[in-house]
Amino acid sequence: MDKKYKKGFTLAEVLITLGIIGVVASLTLPAIVQKQQEKATVTALKKFYSMLSQAYIQAKLEYGTVDTWYETSMTQQERSKLVVEKLTKQIKTTKICEYNIGECFAEKHNYIDGRSPGTWNNTNKYSKFITADGMNVLVNGYTSTEMNGEIENLGFVYADVIVDINGYKKPNTLGKDMFSFVLTKDKVIPAGIQTHSITSTENKTRIAFPGDCNTTKCFGICESCTAWVIYNENMDYLHCDDLSWDGKTSCK
């Protein structure tokens, strides 16, 4: 009688195949996870931008334009507190810390170019709050000198708003989970828009993006990635260094 044999894989072949799959997964999975995290960051930042803009519009309707909010005698601390009071009338919060040191914001923050950590939470100059969806927000009410617009090249600017979109969670890094906006008389502007320039430490005026959003060396504090994320809906500046508003807008 003829013997019939069933064909199949040997144990060694199965183990080799599984090993190859494991190697491929280990190489591709981190990139996939990172890309998904970046998409989530884009969504969260755009949500905050919309929320902040709407709150600012309502605050102007109720209290007048921001150029009328400050009194000449006000300190930076008082200006910061005032802006937070007006904005949080329209934004749902779980906590308002005003200018309490060590509360409502990360203890330290980093720059995407790897420079040593800094902190905004060891001074009482800024006011802070936490949104209902867990974003930590810091407001710096500009002084009369800072409002002159020479540094930002955006006209008169009245306050700086920093958001950490995932709260206290790491990386607490500008350009990764922390982003900057400025308040002008008319609207909220994301830092790093095409017309935004910054005077560097060498007293050279340069376009904010990509110079101040660079993983190798920012000429500022790496806070000019915000507009890129919102308008181009990617964080590809983390992966390639040849992006520009007038040219390449993704690494692909």
Protein backbone atom coordinates (compact mmCIF):
# COMPACT_ATOMS: atom_id res chain seq x y z
CA MET A 1 0.00 0.00 0.00
CA ASP A 2 1.19 3.45 -0.85
CA LYS A 3 1.97 5.62 2.13
CA LYS A 4 0.61 9.18 2.10
CA TYR A 5 2.60 11.91 3.79
CA LYS A 6 1.28 15.34 4.86
CA LYS A 7 3.58 18.17 3.95
CA GLY A 8 4.23 20.96 6.53
CA PHE A 9 6.81 23.24 8.09
CA THR A 10 9.40 21.91 10.46
CA LEU A 11 9.78 23.44 13.91
CA ALA A 12 13.05 25.03 12.82
CA GLU A 13 11.40 26.71 9.83
CA VAL A 14 8.59 28.07 12.00
CA LEU A 15 11.06 29.49 14.50
CA ILE A 16 13.12 31.12 11.75
CA THR A 17 9.99 32.71 10.26
CA LEU A 18 8.85 34.02 13.63
CA GLY A 19 12.32 35.40 14.22
CA ILE A 20 12.26 37.30 10.93
CA ILE A 21 8.80 38.70 11.72
CA GLY A 22 10.04 39.79 15.13
CA VAL A 23 13.03 41.60 13.67
CA VAL A 24 10.89 43.41 11.08
CA ALA A 25 8.35 44.38 13.77
CA SER A 26 11.08 45.71 16.06
CA LEU A 27 12.34 47.92 13.23
CA THR A 28 8.99 49.24 12.01
CA LEU A 29 6.76 49.32 15.11
CA PRO A 30 8.54 52.21 16.91
CA ALA A 31 8.22 54.37 13.78
CA ILE A 32 4.53 53.52 13.48
CA VAL A 33 3.91 54.30 17.15
CA GLN A 34 5.80 57.59 16.89
CA LYS A 35 3.83 58.62 13.81
CA GLN A 36 0.56 57.92 15.62
CA GLN A 37 1.74 59.93 18.62
CA GLU A 38 2.60 62.82 16.33
CA LYS A 39 -0.85 62.69 14.73
CA ALA A 40 -2.40 62.80 18.20
CA THR A 41 -0.22 65.82 19.04
CA VAL A 42 -1.33 67.64 15.89
CA THR A 43 -4.99 67.01 16.75
CA ALA A 44 -4.57 68.14 20.37
CA LEU A 45 -2.67 71.29 19.42
CA LYS A 46 -5.25 72.31 16.82
CA LYS A 47 -7.97 71.76 19.41
CA PHE A 48 -6.18 74.02 21.89
CA TYR A 49 -5.59 76.69 19.24
CA SER A 50 -9.29 76.73 18.42
CA MET A 51 -10.24 76.85 22.10
CA LEU A 52 -7.79 79.66 22.87
CA SER A 53 -8.84 81.68 19.83
CA GLN A 54 -12.53 81.40 20.71
CA ALA A 55 -11.84 82.37 24.32
CA TYR A 56 -9.83 85.38 23.14
CA ILE A 57 -12.60 86.51 20.81
CA GLN A 58 -15.17 86.31 23.61
CA ALA A 59 -12.85 88.10 26.04
CA LYS A 60 -12.42 90.97 23.57
CA LEU A 61 -16.19 91.24 23.11
CA GLU A 62 -16.69 91.42 26.86
CA TYR A 63 -13.70 93.46 27.99
CA GLY A 64 -12.51 95.29 24.88
CA THR A 65 -9.31 94.73 22.92
CA VAL A 66 -6.26 93.60 24.84
CA ASP A 67 -4.45 96.92 24.43
CA THR A 68 -6.96 98.37 26.92
CA TRP A 69 -6.57 95.64 29.53
CA TYR A 70 -3.30 96.71 31.13
CA GLU A 71 -2.62 99.68 33.33
CA THR A 72 0.80 101.30 33.10
CA SER A 73 1.55 100.61 36.76
CA MET A 74 0.87 96.87 36.50
CA THR A 75 3.66 94.40 37.18
CA GLN A 76 4.34 91.42 34.92
CA GLN A 77 2.76 89.22 37.56
CA GLU A 78 -0.42 91.30 37.56
CA ARG A 79 -0.61 91.35 33.76
CA SER A 80 -0.24 87.55 33.59
CA LYS A 81 -2.96 87.05 36.19
CA LEU A 82 -5.29 89.44 34.40
CA VAL A 83 -4.99 87.61 31.06
CA VAL A 84 -5.65 84.25 32.72
CA GLU A 85 -8.71 85.63 34.51
CA LYS A 86 -10.21 86.87 31.24
CA LEU A 87 -9.37 83.78 29.18
CA THR A 88 -10.59 81.25 31.73
CA LYS A 89 -14.02 82.86 31.77
CA GLN A 90 -14.43 81.03 28.46
CA ILE A 91 -12.21 77.96 28.97
CA LYS A 92 -13.23 75.07 31.21
CA THR A 93 -10.54 74.42 33.79
CA THR A 94 -9.85 72.01 36.62
CA LYS A 95 -7.39 74.30 38.39
CA ILE A 96 -6.16 77.88 38.22
CA CYS A 97 -2.81 78.46 39.90
CA GLU A 98 -2.40 82.15 39.19
CA TYR A 99 1.27 82.84 39.92
CA ASN A 100 1.86 80.11 42.52
CA ILE A 101 5.36 78.68 42.15
CA GLY A 102 5.60 74.96 41.39
CA GLU A 103 1.95 74.40 40.46
CA CYS A 104 -0.04 73.71 37.27
CA PHE A 105 3.00 73.25 35.06
CA ALA A 106 5.96 70.92 34.55
CA GLU A 107 8.85 71.44 36.94
CA LYS A 108 11.32 71.60 34.05
CA HIS A 109 11.16 71.87 30.28
CA ASN A 110 13.56 70.98 27.48
CA TYR A 111 14.49 72.21 24.03
CA ILE A 112 14.34 69.91 20.98
CA ASP A 113 17.99 70.64 20.20
CA GLY A 114 19.04 68.86 23.39
CA ARG A 115 20.08 71.84 25.47
CA SER A 116 19.92 71.71 29.25
CA PRO A 117 16.48 71.85 30.81
CA GLY A 118 14.99 75.14 31.88
CA THR A 119 12.01 75.99 34.06
CA TRP A 120 9.21 78.52 34.03
CA ASN A 121 7.74 77.18 37.24
CA ASN A 122 10.23 78.66 39.70
CA THR A 123 9.03 82.25 39.33
CA ASN A 124 5.84 84.07 40.28
CA LYS A 125 5.85 86.21 37.13
CA TYR A 126 3.56 83.85 35.21
CA SER A 127 0.00 82.65 35.77
CA LYS A 128 -1.04 79.09 34.99
CA PHE A 129 -4.10 76.88 34.68
CA ILE A 130 -5.10 73.34 33.73
CA THR A 131 -7.83 72.79 31.15
CA ALA A 132 -10.66 70.30 31.61
CA ASP A 133 -8.97 67.91 29.19
CA GLY A 134 -5.65 67.96 31.04
CA MET A 135 -3.56 70.52 29.20
CA ASN A 136 -1.24 72.69 31.28
CA VAL A 137 -1.14 76.34 30.24
CA LEU A 138 1.25 79.15 31.24
CA VAL A 139 0.63 82.82 30.46
CA ASN A 140 3.25 85.54 30.43
CA GLY A 141 1.70 89.02 30.41
CA TYR A 142 4.27 91.10 28.57
CA THR A 143 5.75 94.23 30.05
CA SER A 144 5.62 97.56 28.21
CA THR A 145 9.13 96.99 26.86
CA GLU A 146 8.31 93.52 25.52
CA MET A 147 5.13 94.74 23.85
CA ASN A 148 7.03 96.91 21.37
CA GLY A 149 7.01 94.05 18.84
CA GLU A 150 10.64 94.38 17.78
CA ILE A 151 11.55 90.89 18.90
CA GLU A 152 8.53 89.07 17.56
CA ASN A 153 8.13 91.08 14.33
CA LEU A 154 4.38 90.60 14.67
CA GLY A 155 3.40 94.11 15.68
CA PHE A 156 2.51 94.77 19.30
CA VAL A 157 2.24 91.57 21.33
CA TYR A 158 0.57 91.55 24.72
CA ALA A 159 1.08 88.06 26.11
CA ASP A 160 2.78 84.76 25.47
CA VAL A 161 0.84 81.52 26.00
CA ILE A 162 2.66 78.20 26.42
CA VAL A 163 0.65 74.96 26.38
CA ASP A 164 1.82 71.49 27.37
CA ILE A 165 -0.75 69.41 25.53
CA ASN A 166 -0.27 66.26 27.66
CA GLY A 167 0.02 67.98 31.01
CA TYR A 168 2.76 66.87 33.35
CA LYS A 169 3.69 63.85 31.21
CA LYS A 170 7.06 63.80 29.50
CA PRO A 171 8.84 64.76 27.32
CA ASN A 172 7.90 68.35 28.41
CA THR A 173 9.81 69.60 25.39
CA LEU A 174 9.17 72.65 23.22
CA GLY A 175 8.30 71.43 19.73
CA LYS A 176 7.26 67.97 20.94
CA ASP A 177 4.50 68.43 23.50
CA MET A 178 4.93 72.10 24.44
CA PHE A 179 3.97 74.92 22.06
CA SER A 180 3.91 78.71 22.08
CA PHE A 181 1.38 81.36 20.98
CA VAL A 182 1.31 85.16 21.21
CA LEU A 183 -1.66 87.47 21.68
CA THR A 184 -1.79 90.49 19.42
CA LYS A 185 -4.50 93.14 19.53
CA ASP A 186 -6.59 91.25 16.98
CA LYS A 187 -5.90 87.54 17.34
CA VAL A 188 -3.94 84.59 18.63
CA ILE A 189 -0.87 83.84 16.51
CA PRO A 190 1.00 80.50 16.64
CA ALA A 191 4.73 81.04 17.05
CA GLY A 192 6.79 80.48 13.92
CA ILE A 193 4.39 81.65 11.20
CA GLN A 194 5.94 82.52 7.84
CA THR A 195 6.39 86.22 8.65
CA HIS A 196 7.67 85.66 12.18
CA SER A 197 11.31 86.59 12.76
CA ILE A 198 13.46 86.54 15.89
CA THR A 199 16.55 88.45 16.93
CA SER A 200 19.03 85.81 18.01
CA THR A 201 21.61 86.02 20.77
CA GLU A 202 24.11 87.15 18.13
CA ASN A 203 21.83 90.15 17.39
CA LYS A 204 20.96 88.73 13.98
CA THR A 205 17.34 88.83 12.84
CA ARG A 206 16.30 85.54 11.30
CA ILE A 207 13.12 83.83 10.12
CA ALA A 208 11.72 81.89 13.08
CA PHE A 209 11.08 78.66 11.18
CA PRO A 210 13.12 76.56 10.68
CA GLY A 211 15.89 78.34 12.59
CA ASP A 212 14.07 78.30 15.91
CA CYS A 213 12.62 74.82 15.37
CA ASN A 214 15.68 72.70 14.81
CA THR A 215 16.74 69.44 16.44
CA THR A 216 20.43 70.29 16.02
CA LYS A 217 20.57 73.92 17.15
CA CYS A 218 17.81 76.48 17.65
CA PHE A 219 18.86 80.12 17.68
CA GLY A 220 16.10 80.84 20.21
CA ILE A 221 14.40 78.50 22.66
CA CYS A 222 12.89 76.20 20.01
CA GLU A 223 9.39 77.65 20.42
CA SER A 224 8.70 78.34 16.74
CA CYS A 225 7.40 74.91 15.72
CA THR A 226 3.79 75.72 16.63
CA ALA A 227 2.56 77.24 13.38
CA TRP A 228 4.18 74.47 11.34
CA VAL A 229 2.30 71.77 13.27
CA ILE A 230 -1.03 73.58 12.97
CA TYR A 231 -0.89 74.58 9.30
CA ASN A 232 1.06 71.66 7.81
CA GLU A 233 -0.39 69.05 10.18
CA ASN A 234 2.87 67.22 10.73
CA MET A 235 5.94 67.22 12.97
CA ASP A 236 8.38 66.25 10.25
CA TYR A 237 10.91 68.83 11.46
CA LEU A 238 11.82 66.13 13.98
CA HIS A 239 12.93 63.83 11.15
CA CYS A 240 14.46 66.03 8.43
CA ASP A 241 16.08 69.46 8.42
CA ASP A 242 15.32 70.77 4.92
CA LEU A 243 11.74 71.96 5.43
CA SER A 244 10.58 75.49 4.66
CA TRP A 245 7.37 77.46 4.23
CA ASP A 246 8.12 78.09 0.56
CA GLY A 247 9.52 74.67 -0.28
CA LYS A 248 9.44 71.19 1.16
CA THR A 249 6.65 70.78 3.74
CA SER A 250 7.17 67.12 4.67
CA CYS A 251 10.01 64.62 4.73
CA LYS A 252 8.41 62.51 1.98
